[in-house]
N, C-alpha and C. Protein backbone atom coordinates (compact mmCIF):
# COMPACT_ATOMS: atom_id res chain seq x y z
N MET A 1 0.83 -1.22 0.00
CA MET A 1 0.00 0.00 0.00
C MET A 1 0.86 1.26 0.00
N LEU A 2 1.93 1.22 0.81
CA LEU A 2 2.81 2.38 0.85
C LEU A 2 3.48 2.64 -0.49
N THR A 3 3.77 1.55 -1.23
CA THR A 3 4.37 1.70 -2.56
C THR A 3 3.44 2.47 -3.49
N VAL A 4 2.14 2.22 -3.35
CA VAL A 4 1.16 2.95 -4.15
C VAL A 4 1.25 4.44 -3.85
N PHE A 5 1.37 4.79 -2.55
CA PHE A 5 1.47 6.19 -2.16
C PHE A 5 2.71 6.86 -2.77
N VAL A 6 3.81 6.11 -2.80
CA VAL A 6 5.04 6.66 -3.38
C VAL A 6 4.86 6.93 -4.87
N ASN A 7 4.21 5.98 -5.56
CA ASN A 7 3.95 6.19 -6.99
C ASN A 7 3.06 7.40 -7.21
N VAL A 8 2.06 7.55 -6.35
CA VAL A 8 1.18 8.73 -6.44
C VAL A 8 1.99 10.00 -6.24
N ALA A 9 2.91 9.97 -5.26
CA ALA A 9 3.73 11.15 -4.98
C ALA A 9 4.55 11.55 -6.19
N TYR A 10 5.16 10.58 -6.86
CA TYR A 10 6.00 10.90 -8.01
C TYR A 10 5.16 11.33 -9.23
N VAL A 11 3.97 10.78 -9.35
CA VAL A 11 3.08 11.24 -10.42
C VAL A 11 2.70 12.71 -10.18
N LEU A 12 2.45 13.05 -8.92
CA LEU A 12 2.13 14.44 -8.59
C LEU A 12 3.32 15.36 -8.86
N MET A 13 4.53 14.88 -8.57
CA MET A 13 5.72 15.67 -8.86
C MET A 13 5.85 15.90 -10.36
N LEU A 14 5.57 14.85 -11.13
CA LEU A 14 5.62 14.98 -12.59
C LEU A 14 4.62 16.03 -13.06
N CYS A 15 3.42 15.97 -12.54
CA CYS A 15 2.39 16.96 -12.90
C CYS A 15 2.83 18.37 -12.49
N ALA A 16 3.50 18.46 -11.34
CA ALA A 16 3.96 19.76 -10.87
C ALA A 16 4.95 20.37 -11.85
N PHE A 17 5.90 19.57 -12.32
CA PHE A 17 6.91 20.09 -13.23
C PHE A 17 6.35 20.39 -14.62
N LEU A 18 5.17 19.85 -14.91
CA LEU A 18 4.51 20.16 -16.19
C LEU A 18 3.57 21.35 -16.07
N ALA A 19 3.28 21.75 -14.84
CA ALA A 19 2.34 22.86 -14.62
C ALA A 19 2.97 24.17 -15.06
N ARG A 20 2.19 25.01 -15.73
CA ARG A 20 2.70 26.30 -16.20
C ARG A 20 2.50 27.39 -15.15
N ASP A 21 1.54 27.19 -14.28
CA ASP A 21 1.29 28.16 -13.22
C ASP A 21 2.11 27.77 -11.99
N VAL A 22 2.92 28.70 -11.50
CA VAL A 22 3.81 28.39 -10.39
C VAL A 22 3.04 28.05 -9.11
N LEU A 23 1.82 28.59 -8.98
CA LEU A 23 1.02 28.25 -7.80
C LEU A 23 0.65 26.77 -7.81
N TYR A 24 0.22 26.25 -8.97
CA TYR A 24 -0.10 24.83 -9.07
C TYR A 24 1.15 23.99 -8.84
N LEU A 25 2.28 24.43 -9.38
CA LEU A 25 3.53 23.70 -9.20
C LEU A 25 3.85 23.55 -7.71
N ARG A 26 3.81 24.67 -7.00
CA ARG A 26 4.13 24.63 -5.57
C ARG A 26 3.12 23.79 -4.79
N GLY A 27 1.85 23.93 -5.11
CA GLY A 27 0.82 23.19 -4.40
C GLY A 27 0.95 21.69 -4.59
N LEU A 28 1.21 21.26 -5.83
CA LEU A 28 1.38 19.83 -6.10
C LEU A 28 2.62 19.28 -5.40
N LEU A 29 3.67 20.08 -5.35
CA LEU A 29 4.88 19.63 -4.66
C LEU A 29 4.64 19.47 -3.16
N VAL A 30 3.82 20.35 -2.58
CA VAL A 30 3.49 20.22 -1.16
C VAL A 30 2.85 18.87 -0.89
N VAL A 31 1.85 18.52 -1.71
CA VAL A 31 1.15 17.24 -1.51
C VAL A 31 2.09 16.07 -1.74
N ALA A 32 2.86 16.11 -2.85
CA ALA A 32 3.73 15.00 -3.19
C ALA A 32 4.81 14.78 -2.13
N GLN A 33 5.43 15.86 -1.70
CA GLN A 33 6.52 15.72 -0.73
C GLN A 33 6.00 15.35 0.66
N SER A 34 4.77 15.74 0.96
CA SER A 34 4.17 15.30 2.23
C SER A 34 3.98 13.79 2.24
N ILE A 35 3.60 13.24 1.09
CA ILE A 35 3.46 11.78 0.99
C ILE A 35 4.83 11.11 1.18
N VAL A 36 5.86 11.70 0.55
CA VAL A 36 7.21 11.13 0.68
C VAL A 36 7.68 11.19 2.13
N VAL A 37 7.36 12.28 2.83
CA VAL A 37 7.72 12.40 4.25
C VAL A 37 7.11 11.25 5.05
N THR A 38 5.83 11.00 4.81
CA THR A 38 5.14 9.92 5.54
C THR A 38 5.76 8.56 5.23
N TYR A 39 6.03 8.32 3.96
CA TYR A 39 6.58 7.02 3.54
C TYR A 39 7.97 6.80 4.13
N THR A 40 8.85 7.79 4.01
CA THR A 40 10.22 7.62 4.49
C THR A 40 10.27 7.51 6.02
N TRP A 41 9.38 8.23 6.70
CA TRP A 41 9.36 8.15 8.17
C TRP A 41 8.92 6.76 8.64
N ARG A 42 7.89 6.22 7.98
CA ARG A 42 7.39 4.90 8.37
C ARG A 42 8.37 3.79 8.04
N ASN A 43 9.25 4.05 7.07
CA ASN A 43 10.20 3.02 6.66
C ASN A 43 11.59 3.26 7.25
N GLY A 44 11.65 4.09 8.28
CA GLY A 44 12.90 4.26 9.01
C GLY A 44 14.00 4.97 8.25
N VAL A 45 13.62 5.94 7.44
CA VAL A 45 14.64 6.74 6.72
C VAL A 45 14.45 8.21 7.14
N PRO A 46 14.84 8.54 8.36
CA PRO A 46 14.57 9.88 8.89
C PRO A 46 15.27 10.99 8.13
N LEU A 47 16.45 10.70 7.56
CA LEU A 47 17.17 11.74 6.84
C LEU A 47 16.37 12.22 5.63
N LEU A 48 15.87 11.26 4.82
CA LEU A 48 15.04 11.63 3.66
C LEU A 48 13.75 12.31 4.11
N SER A 49 13.21 11.82 5.21
CA SER A 49 11.99 12.43 5.74
C SER A 49 12.23 13.88 6.13
N ALA A 50 13.38 14.14 6.78
CA ALA A 50 13.70 15.51 7.20
C ALA A 50 13.89 16.44 6.01
N TRP A 51 14.60 15.95 4.98
CA TRP A 51 14.82 16.79 3.79
C TRP A 51 13.50 17.13 3.11
N ASN A 52 12.64 16.15 2.94
CA ASN A 52 11.37 16.41 2.27
C ASN A 52 10.45 17.28 3.12
N ALA A 53 10.54 17.14 4.43
CA ALA A 53 9.77 18.02 5.31
C ALA A 53 10.22 19.46 5.14
N THR A 54 11.54 19.64 4.96
CA THR A 54 12.07 20.99 4.71
C THR A 54 11.52 21.55 3.41
N PHE A 55 11.47 20.70 2.37
CA PHE A 55 10.92 21.15 1.09
C PHE A 55 9.44 21.51 1.22
N VAL A 56 8.70 20.74 2.03
CA VAL A 56 7.29 21.04 2.25
C VAL A 56 7.12 22.42 2.88
N VAL A 57 7.93 22.70 3.90
CA VAL A 57 7.85 24.00 4.57
C VAL A 57 8.15 25.13 3.59
N ILE A 58 9.19 24.95 2.77
CA ILE A 58 9.55 25.98 1.79
C ILE A 58 8.41 26.22 0.80
N ASN A 59 7.84 25.14 0.28
CA ASN A 59 6.79 25.28 -0.72
C ASN A 59 5.50 25.84 -0.12
N VAL A 60 5.18 25.46 1.11
CA VAL A 60 4.01 26.04 1.77
C VAL A 60 4.20 27.54 1.94
N THR A 61 5.41 27.94 2.34
CA THR A 61 5.71 29.37 2.48
C THR A 61 5.53 30.10 1.16
N MET A 62 6.01 29.50 0.08
CA MET A 62 5.88 30.13 -1.24
C MET A 62 4.43 30.20 -1.69
N VAL A 63 3.65 29.15 -1.40
CA VAL A 63 2.22 29.17 -1.75
C VAL A 63 1.52 30.33 -1.05
N VAL A 64 1.80 30.50 0.24
CA VAL A 64 1.19 31.60 1.00
C VAL A 64 1.58 32.94 0.40
N GLN A 65 2.86 33.08 0.03
CA GLN A 65 3.34 34.33 -0.55
C GLN A 65 2.66 34.61 -1.87
N ILE A 66 2.54 33.59 -2.72
CA ILE A 66 1.88 33.77 -4.03
C ILE A 66 0.42 34.17 -3.85
N LEU A 67 -0.27 33.51 -2.93
CA LEU A 67 -1.68 33.84 -2.69
C LEU A 67 -1.84 35.28 -2.20
N ARG A 68 -0.91 35.73 -1.37
CA ARG A 68 -0.97 37.12 -0.90
C ARG A 68 -0.77 38.09 -2.05
N GLU A 69 0.15 37.74 -2.95
CA GLU A 69 0.41 38.61 -4.10
C GLU A 69 -0.77 38.65 -5.06
N ARG A 70 -1.52 37.55 -5.11
CA ARG A 70 -2.62 37.46 -6.07
C ARG A 70 -3.97 37.88 -5.49
N ARG A 71 -3.99 38.19 -4.22
CA ARG A 71 -5.26 38.58 -3.63
C ARG A 71 -5.74 39.87 -4.28
N ALA A 72 -7.01 40.13 -4.14
CA ALA A 72 -7.62 41.27 -4.81
C ALA A 72 -6.91 42.57 -4.43
N VAL A 73 -6.56 43.33 -5.45
CA VAL A 73 -5.92 44.62 -5.26
C VAL A 73 -6.85 45.69 -5.82
N VAL A 74 -7.14 46.68 -5.02
CA VAL A 74 -8.00 47.78 -5.46
C VAL A 74 -7.10 48.88 -6.03
N LEU A 75 -7.22 49.07 -7.33
CA LEU A 75 -6.41 50.10 -7.98
C LEU A 75 -6.99 51.48 -7.69
N PRO A 76 -6.13 52.48 -7.51
CA PRO A 76 -6.63 53.85 -7.36
C PRO A 76 -7.47 54.25 -8.56
N ASP A 77 -8.42 55.15 -8.35
CA ASP A 77 -9.33 55.55 -9.43
C ASP A 77 -8.58 56.08 -10.65
N ASP A 78 -7.48 56.80 -10.42
CA ASP A 78 -6.76 57.40 -11.55
C ASP A 78 -5.98 56.38 -12.36
N LEU A 79 -5.84 55.15 -11.82
CA LEU A 79 -5.12 54.11 -12.55
C LEU A 79 -6.04 53.03 -13.10
N ARG A 80 -7.27 52.92 -12.59
CA ARG A 80 -8.17 51.86 -13.01
C ARG A 80 -8.45 51.91 -14.51
N LEU A 81 -8.82 53.05 -15.05
CA LEU A 81 -9.13 53.17 -16.47
C LEU A 81 -7.87 52.93 -17.31
N LEU A 82 -6.75 53.44 -16.83
CA LEU A 82 -5.49 53.24 -17.53
C LEU A 82 -5.14 51.76 -17.61
N TYR A 83 -5.33 51.07 -16.51
CA TYR A 83 -5.05 49.63 -16.47
C TYR A 83 -5.97 48.87 -17.43
N ASP A 84 -7.26 49.17 -17.38
CA ASP A 84 -8.23 48.45 -18.22
C ASP A 84 -7.93 48.65 -19.71
N ARG A 85 -7.49 49.84 -20.09
CA ARG A 85 -7.27 50.16 -21.50
C ARG A 85 -5.95 49.64 -22.05
N HIS A 86 -4.91 49.66 -21.20
CA HIS A 86 -3.56 49.43 -21.75
C HIS A 86 -2.77 48.29 -21.10
N PHE A 87 -3.13 47.88 -19.88
CA PHE A 87 -2.25 46.96 -19.15
C PHE A 87 -2.97 45.72 -18.65
N ALA A 88 -4.05 45.33 -19.29
CA ALA A 88 -4.85 44.20 -18.81
C ALA A 88 -4.10 42.87 -18.91
N ALA A 89 -3.01 42.81 -19.69
CA ALA A 89 -2.23 41.58 -19.77
C ALA A 89 -1.50 41.29 -18.47
N LEU A 90 -1.36 42.30 -17.62
CA LEU A 90 -0.74 42.13 -16.31
C LEU A 90 -1.82 41.94 -15.27
N THR A 91 -1.51 41.26 -14.18
CA THR A 91 -2.44 41.21 -13.06
C THR A 91 -2.42 42.57 -12.36
N PRO A 92 -3.50 42.95 -11.67
CA PRO A 92 -3.48 44.24 -10.96
C PRO A 92 -2.30 44.40 -10.02
N PRO A 93 -1.91 43.37 -9.22
CA PRO A 93 -0.73 43.56 -8.38
C PRO A 93 0.55 43.79 -9.18
N GLU A 94 0.70 43.05 -10.29
CA GLU A 94 1.88 43.25 -11.14
C GLU A 94 1.91 44.65 -11.70
N PHE A 95 0.77 45.10 -12.21
CA PHE A 95 0.71 46.44 -12.78
C PHE A 95 1.05 47.50 -11.75
N LEU A 96 0.44 47.38 -10.58
CA LEU A 96 0.65 48.39 -9.54
C LEU A 96 2.11 48.41 -9.11
N ARG A 97 2.72 47.26 -8.94
CA ARG A 97 4.12 47.20 -8.53
C ARG A 97 5.02 47.79 -9.60
N TRP A 98 4.75 47.45 -10.86
CA TRP A 98 5.57 47.97 -11.96
C TRP A 98 5.38 49.47 -12.12
N TRP A 99 4.14 49.92 -12.04
CA TRP A 99 3.85 51.34 -12.22
C TRP A 99 4.56 52.18 -11.16
N ARG A 100 4.55 51.68 -9.93
CA ARG A 100 5.17 52.43 -8.84
C ARG A 100 6.69 52.42 -8.91
N ASN A 101 7.25 51.53 -9.73
CA ASN A 101 8.70 51.53 -9.92
C ASN A 101 9.14 52.59 -10.93
N GLY A 102 8.17 53.17 -11.64
CA GLY A 102 8.49 54.25 -12.57
C GLY A 102 8.45 55.60 -11.87
N ARG A 103 8.84 56.63 -12.60
CA ARG A 103 8.81 57.99 -12.05
C ARG A 103 7.87 58.84 -12.90
N ARG A 104 6.93 59.48 -12.22
CA ARG A 104 5.98 60.35 -12.92
C ARG A 104 6.61 61.73 -13.08
N GLU A 105 6.67 62.20 -14.32
CA GLU A 105 7.34 63.47 -14.61
C GLU A 105 6.47 64.31 -15.53
N ARG A 106 6.72 65.61 -15.49
CA ARG A 106 6.12 66.53 -16.46
C ARG A 106 7.25 67.32 -17.10
N VAL A 107 7.31 67.26 -18.42
CA VAL A 107 8.35 67.97 -19.17
C VAL A 107 7.68 68.85 -20.21
N ALA A 108 8.41 69.84 -20.70
CA ALA A 108 7.86 70.76 -21.69
C ALA A 108 8.87 70.93 -22.82
N ASP A 109 8.42 70.67 -24.05
CA ASP A 109 9.25 70.84 -25.25
C ASP A 109 10.63 70.18 -25.09
N ALA A 110 10.63 68.98 -24.53
CA ALA A 110 11.89 68.29 -24.22
C ALA A 110 12.08 67.09 -25.15
N PRO A 111 13.34 66.79 -25.52
CA PRO A 111 13.60 65.59 -26.32
C PRO A 111 13.49 64.33 -25.46
N LEU A 112 12.83 63.31 -25.99
CA LEU A 112 12.71 62.02 -25.29
C LEU A 112 13.59 60.95 -25.93
N ALA A 113 13.87 61.09 -27.21
CA ALA A 113 14.75 60.15 -27.91
C ALA A 113 15.38 60.88 -29.08
N ARG A 114 16.59 60.45 -29.44
CA ARG A 114 17.31 61.04 -30.54
C ARG A 114 17.80 59.95 -31.48
N ALA A 115 17.60 60.16 -32.79
CA ALA A 115 18.03 59.19 -33.79
C ALA A 115 19.52 58.93 -33.66
N GLY A 116 19.89 57.66 -33.74
CA GLY A 116 21.29 57.28 -33.65
C GLY A 116 21.79 57.10 -32.24
N GLU A 117 20.95 57.37 -31.24
CA GLU A 117 21.34 57.22 -29.85
C GLU A 117 20.49 56.14 -29.18
N GLN A 118 21.05 55.57 -28.12
CA GLN A 118 20.31 54.56 -27.36
C GLN A 118 19.48 55.27 -26.29
N PRO A 119 18.16 55.20 -26.34
CA PRO A 119 17.33 55.84 -25.30
C PRO A 119 17.69 55.31 -23.92
N ASP A 120 17.68 56.19 -22.94
CA ASP A 120 18.04 55.77 -21.59
C ASP A 120 16.83 55.39 -20.75
N ALA A 121 15.62 55.47 -21.35
CA ALA A 121 14.41 55.17 -20.58
C ALA A 121 13.28 54.76 -21.51
N LEU A 122 12.31 54.06 -20.93
CA LEU A 122 11.04 53.77 -21.58
C LEU A 122 10.02 54.74 -21.02
N TYR A 123 9.20 55.34 -21.89
CA TYR A 123 8.21 56.33 -21.46
C TYR A 123 6.81 55.85 -21.79
N PHE A 124 5.87 56.26 -20.96
CA PHE A 124 4.45 56.07 -21.26
C PHE A 124 3.76 57.42 -21.10
N LEU A 125 3.08 57.85 -22.16
CA LEU A 125 2.45 59.18 -22.15
C LEU A 125 1.14 59.14 -21.37
N ILE A 126 1.05 59.98 -20.36
CA ILE A 126 -0.16 60.08 -19.55
C ILE A 126 -1.02 61.24 -20.03
N ASP A 127 -0.37 62.32 -20.39
CA ASP A 127 -1.09 63.52 -20.83
C ASP A 127 -0.21 64.29 -21.79
N GLY A 128 -0.81 64.86 -22.84
CA GLY A 128 -0.04 65.64 -23.80
C GLY A 128 0.22 64.85 -25.07
N MET A 129 1.19 65.33 -25.85
CA MET A 129 1.47 64.73 -27.15
C MET A 129 2.95 64.86 -27.47
N VAL A 130 3.47 63.86 -28.20
CA VAL A 130 4.87 63.92 -28.65
C VAL A 130 4.90 63.84 -30.17
N ARG A 131 5.96 64.39 -30.74
CA ARG A 131 6.13 64.37 -32.20
C ARG A 131 7.30 63.49 -32.57
N VAL A 132 7.09 62.61 -33.54
CA VAL A 132 8.13 61.73 -34.07
C VAL A 132 8.61 62.31 -35.39
N SER A 133 9.92 62.49 -35.51
CA SER A 133 10.49 63.09 -36.72
C SER A 133 11.67 62.26 -37.20
N ARG A 134 11.87 62.27 -38.53
CA ARG A 134 13.05 61.67 -39.14
C ARG A 134 13.65 62.69 -40.09
N ASP A 135 14.96 62.86 -39.96
CA ASP A 135 15.66 63.85 -40.78
C ASP A 135 14.99 65.22 -40.69
N ARG A 136 14.56 65.53 -39.45
CA ARG A 136 13.93 66.82 -39.12
C ARG A 136 12.57 67.02 -39.79
N GLN A 137 12.01 65.94 -40.35
CA GLN A 137 10.68 66.00 -40.95
C GLN A 137 9.69 65.27 -40.06
N PRO A 138 8.60 65.93 -39.66
CA PRO A 138 7.59 65.26 -38.80
C PRO A 138 7.01 64.03 -39.49
N VAL A 139 6.91 62.95 -38.73
CA VAL A 139 6.34 61.70 -39.23
C VAL A 139 4.97 61.45 -38.62
N ALA A 140 4.85 61.68 -37.33
CA ALA A 140 3.59 61.41 -36.65
C ALA A 140 3.57 62.13 -35.30
N ASP A 141 2.35 62.40 -34.84
CA ASP A 141 2.14 62.92 -33.49
C ASP A 141 1.42 61.84 -32.68
N LEU A 142 1.97 61.50 -31.54
CA LEU A 142 1.38 60.46 -30.69
C LEU A 142 0.72 61.10 -29.48
N PRO A 143 -0.55 60.76 -29.21
CA PRO A 143 -1.25 61.31 -28.05
C PRO A 143 -0.99 60.47 -26.80
N ALA A 144 -1.59 60.85 -25.71
CA ALA A 144 -1.49 60.10 -24.46
C ALA A 144 -1.99 58.67 -24.67
N GLY A 145 -1.39 57.72 -23.93
CA GLY A 145 -1.80 56.32 -24.02
C GLY A 145 -0.86 55.46 -24.83
N PHE A 146 0.29 56.01 -25.22
CA PHE A 146 1.26 55.25 -26.00
C PHE A 146 2.62 55.26 -25.32
N PHE A 147 3.40 54.20 -25.63
CA PHE A 147 4.78 54.14 -25.17
C PHE A 147 5.68 54.92 -26.12
N VAL A 148 6.82 55.34 -25.60
CA VAL A 148 7.86 55.97 -26.40
C VAL A 148 9.17 55.24 -26.12
N ALA A 149 9.93 54.93 -27.18
CA ALA A 149 11.24 54.26 -27.10
C ALA A 149 11.11 52.78 -26.78
N GLU A 150 9.96 52.18 -27.05
CA GLU A 150 9.78 50.77 -26.72
C GLU A 150 10.52 49.84 -27.68
N MET A 151 10.63 50.22 -28.96
CA MET A 151 11.30 49.35 -29.91
C MET A 151 12.78 49.23 -29.60
N SER A 152 13.40 50.33 -29.21
CA SER A 152 14.81 50.28 -28.84
C SER A 152 15.02 49.38 -27.63
N LEU A 153 14.06 49.41 -26.71
CA LEU A 153 14.15 48.55 -25.53
C LEU A 153 14.06 47.08 -25.93
N LEU A 154 13.15 46.74 -26.83
CA LEU A 154 12.93 45.35 -27.21
C LEU A 154 14.06 44.80 -28.07
N THR A 155 14.56 45.63 -29.00
CA THR A 155 15.56 45.14 -29.96
C THR A 155 17.00 45.43 -29.55
N GLY A 156 17.18 46.43 -28.69
CA GLY A 156 18.53 46.83 -28.31
C GLY A 156 19.18 47.73 -29.34
N ASP A 157 18.46 48.08 -30.42
CA ASP A 157 19.01 48.95 -31.46
C ASP A 157 18.93 50.42 -31.04
N ARG A 158 19.71 51.23 -31.73
CA ARG A 158 19.62 52.67 -31.49
C ARG A 158 18.34 53.22 -32.10
N ALA A 159 17.88 54.32 -31.57
CA ALA A 159 16.66 54.95 -32.11
C ALA A 159 16.93 55.43 -33.53
N ASN A 160 15.93 55.31 -34.39
CA ASN A 160 16.08 55.80 -35.76
C ASN A 160 15.14 56.97 -36.04
N ALA A 161 14.66 57.59 -34.95
CA ALA A 161 13.80 58.76 -35.09
C ALA A 161 13.96 59.64 -33.86
N ASP A 162 13.69 60.92 -34.06
CA ASP A 162 13.66 61.85 -32.93
C ASP A 162 12.24 61.88 -32.36
N VAL A 163 12.15 61.93 -31.04
CA VAL A 163 10.85 62.06 -30.37
C VAL A 163 10.93 63.23 -29.41
N ASP A 164 10.03 64.20 -29.58
CA ASP A 164 10.04 65.41 -28.76
C ASP A 164 8.66 65.68 -28.19
N ALA A 165 8.65 66.14 -26.94
CA ALA A 165 7.39 66.56 -26.32
C ALA A 165 6.90 67.84 -27.00
N ILE A 166 5.60 67.88 -27.27
CA ILE A 166 4.99 69.08 -27.84
C ILE A 166 4.33 69.84 -26.69
N GLY A 167 4.95 70.92 -26.28
CA GLY A 167 4.44 71.65 -25.13
C GLY A 167 4.65 70.85 -23.86
N SER A 168 3.71 70.96 -22.93
CA SER A 168 3.82 70.27 -21.64
C SER A 168 3.27 68.85 -21.76
N VAL A 169 4.05 67.90 -21.29
CA VAL A 169 3.70 66.48 -21.39
C VAL A 169 3.91 65.82 -20.03
N GLU A 170 2.92 65.02 -19.60
CA GLU A 170 3.08 64.23 -18.39
C GLU A 170 3.32 62.78 -18.78
N LEU A 171 4.29 62.15 -18.16
CA LEU A 171 4.65 60.80 -18.55
C LEU A 171 5.20 60.01 -17.37
N MET A 172 5.23 58.68 -17.57
CA MET A 172 5.92 57.78 -16.65
C MET A 172 7.24 57.40 -17.30
N ARG A 173 8.28 57.30 -16.47
CA ARG A 173 9.61 57.01 -16.98
C ARG A 173 10.23 55.85 -16.21
N TRP A 174 10.70 54.84 -16.97
CA TRP A 174 11.39 53.69 -16.39
C TRP A 174 12.80 53.63 -16.99
N PRO A 175 13.85 53.76 -16.20
CA PRO A 175 15.22 53.68 -16.73
C PRO A 175 15.47 52.33 -17.40
N VAL A 176 16.18 52.35 -18.52
CA VAL A 176 16.45 51.13 -19.28
C VAL A 176 17.24 50.13 -18.45
N ASP A 177 18.21 50.61 -17.68
CA ASP A 177 19.02 49.69 -16.86
C ASP A 177 18.13 48.90 -15.88
N ALA A 178 17.16 49.59 -15.29
CA ALA A 178 16.27 48.92 -14.34
C ALA A 178 15.40 47.89 -15.06
N LEU A 179 14.99 48.19 -16.29
CA LEU A 179 14.17 47.25 -17.05
C LEU A 179 14.97 46.03 -17.47
N HIS A 180 16.24 46.22 -17.82
CA HIS A 180 17.10 45.08 -18.15
C HIS A 180 17.28 44.17 -16.94
N GLU A 181 17.42 44.77 -15.78
CA GLU A 181 17.54 43.99 -14.55
C GLU A 181 16.25 43.23 -14.28
N LEU A 182 15.10 43.88 -14.55
CA LEU A 182 13.80 43.23 -14.38
C LEU A 182 13.68 42.03 -15.32
N ARG A 183 14.12 42.19 -16.55
CA ARG A 183 14.06 41.09 -17.52
C ARG A 183 14.92 39.91 -17.06
N ARG A 184 16.06 40.19 -16.46
CA ARG A 184 16.93 39.12 -15.98
C ARG A 184 16.33 38.44 -14.75
N ARG A 185 15.74 39.24 -13.86
CA ARG A 185 15.26 38.72 -12.58
C ARG A 185 13.92 38.01 -12.68
N ASP A 186 13.06 38.49 -13.59
CA ASP A 186 11.69 37.94 -13.66
C ASP A 186 11.27 37.80 -15.12
N PRO A 187 11.81 36.79 -15.83
CA PRO A 187 11.49 36.63 -17.25
C PRO A 187 10.00 36.39 -17.53
N ALA A 188 9.29 35.76 -16.59
CA ALA A 188 7.85 35.52 -16.80
C ALA A 188 7.09 36.84 -16.85
N PHE A 189 7.39 37.71 -15.90
CA PHE A 189 6.74 39.02 -15.91
C PHE A 189 7.16 39.81 -17.15
N TRP A 190 8.43 39.72 -17.51
CA TRP A 190 8.91 40.44 -18.69
C TRP A 190 8.15 40.01 -19.94
N SER A 191 7.86 38.73 -20.04
CA SER A 191 7.11 38.23 -21.19
C SER A 191 5.72 38.87 -21.25
N ARG A 192 5.07 39.01 -20.10
CA ARG A 192 3.74 39.65 -20.08
C ARG A 192 3.84 41.14 -20.40
N LEU A 193 4.91 41.77 -19.94
CA LEU A 193 5.10 43.19 -20.25
C LEU A 193 5.32 43.37 -21.75
N GLN A 194 6.04 42.44 -22.37
CA GLN A 194 6.22 42.50 -23.82
C GLN A 194 4.89 42.41 -24.55
N SER A 195 3.97 41.64 -23.99
CA SER A 195 2.62 41.54 -24.58
C SER A 195 1.94 42.90 -24.55
N VAL A 196 2.09 43.62 -23.45
CA VAL A 196 1.52 44.97 -23.34
C VAL A 196 2.13 45.88 -24.39
N ILE A 197 3.45 45.84 -24.52
CA ILE A 197 4.15 46.69 -25.49
C ILE A 197 3.77 46.29 -26.91
N GLY A 198 3.62 44.98 -27.15
CA GLY A 198 3.21 44.53 -28.48
C GLY A 198 1.82 45.05 -28.85
N HIS A 199 0.91 45.07 -27.87
CA HIS A 199 -0.42 45.63 -28.12
C HIS A 199 -0.31 47.11 -28.47
N ASP A 200 0.59 47.81 -27.82
CA ASP A 200 0.82 49.23 -28.10
C ASP A 200 1.26 49.42 -29.55
N LEU A 201 2.17 48.55 -30.01
CA LEU A 201 2.64 48.65 -31.39
C LEU A 201 1.51 48.39 -32.39
N VAL A 202 0.67 47.41 -32.08
CA VAL A 202 -0.46 47.11 -32.96
C VAL A 202 -1.39 48.31 -33.06
N GLU A 203 -1.63 48.96 -31.93
CA GLU A 203 -2.51 50.14 -31.94
C GLU A 203 -1.90 51.26 -32.77
N LYS A 204 -0.60 51.40 -32.75
CA LYS A 204 0.05 52.43 -33.57
C LYS A 204 -0.14 52.13 -35.05
N ILE A 205 0.00 50.85 -35.40
CA ILE A 205 -0.20 50.47 -36.80
C ILE A 205 -1.64 50.72 -37.22
N ARG A 206 -2.58 50.40 -36.34
CA ARG A 206 -3.99 50.64 -36.66
C ARG A 206 -4.28 52.11 -36.86
N ARG A 207 -3.59 52.94 -36.13
CA ARG A 207 -3.76 54.38 -36.29
C ARG A 207 -3.09 54.90 -37.55
N GLY A 208 -2.33 54.03 -38.18
CA GLY A 208 -1.63 54.46 -39.39
C GLY A 208 -0.36 55.22 -39.10
N GLU A 209 0.13 55.11 -37.86
CA GLU A 209 1.32 55.88 -37.51
C GLU A 209 2.59 55.24 -38.10
N HIS A 210 2.67 53.92 -38.01
CA HIS A 210 3.84 53.19 -38.51
C HIS A 210 5.13 53.81 -37.99
N VAL A 211 5.19 53.94 -36.68
CA VAL A 211 6.36 54.56 -36.06
C VAL A 211 7.34 53.47 -35.63
N ALA A 212 8.60 53.59 -36.01
CA ALA A 212 9.63 52.67 -35.54
C ALA A 212 10.73 53.48 -34.84
N ARG A 213 11.08 53.02 -33.61
CA ARG A 213 12.11 53.74 -32.88
C ARG A 213 13.23 52.79 -32.52
């Protein structure tokens, strides 16, 4: 009978490693390793029992942490509409954490990107408008609700257009170095953020802007 339990434990571990959601992975490992703890303890292998008990404690702790992160988050009123329109690919906690890592700024008639240079930040326009130019010729005007310098961030290439604020512009700013560190530290979140940026690019194409930076 105990052999059956061990087989069940390893089947659960297999399912855990196939799970795409980290919460399911951790939860399945808790159940599987708890079974292994029981089996090894009853069969006089306390060392294996102790190690698996340690893994159970670690995974239970991680499950609790994940559930806390995923619990309902009430977005401030000024961010709710913004989130619904542009950032729905992220969970509300992810969006709020990422948004707060940026810096809200207001600039006037300032350059945001220069052709031939590597932008030092990713921008999201909250209010106002920016102008995209090539060879000093205007190409497009982008209103609030769009990213600036996102292509350079994704490809690592230098900007091939100038981007300037038209009058007073309010924006969020994320330094490129911090975003590269985020991509290294949390590739799963970075993948979802790329989805948000990809949607932004599609919207630009739909508008007929065809802007490449």
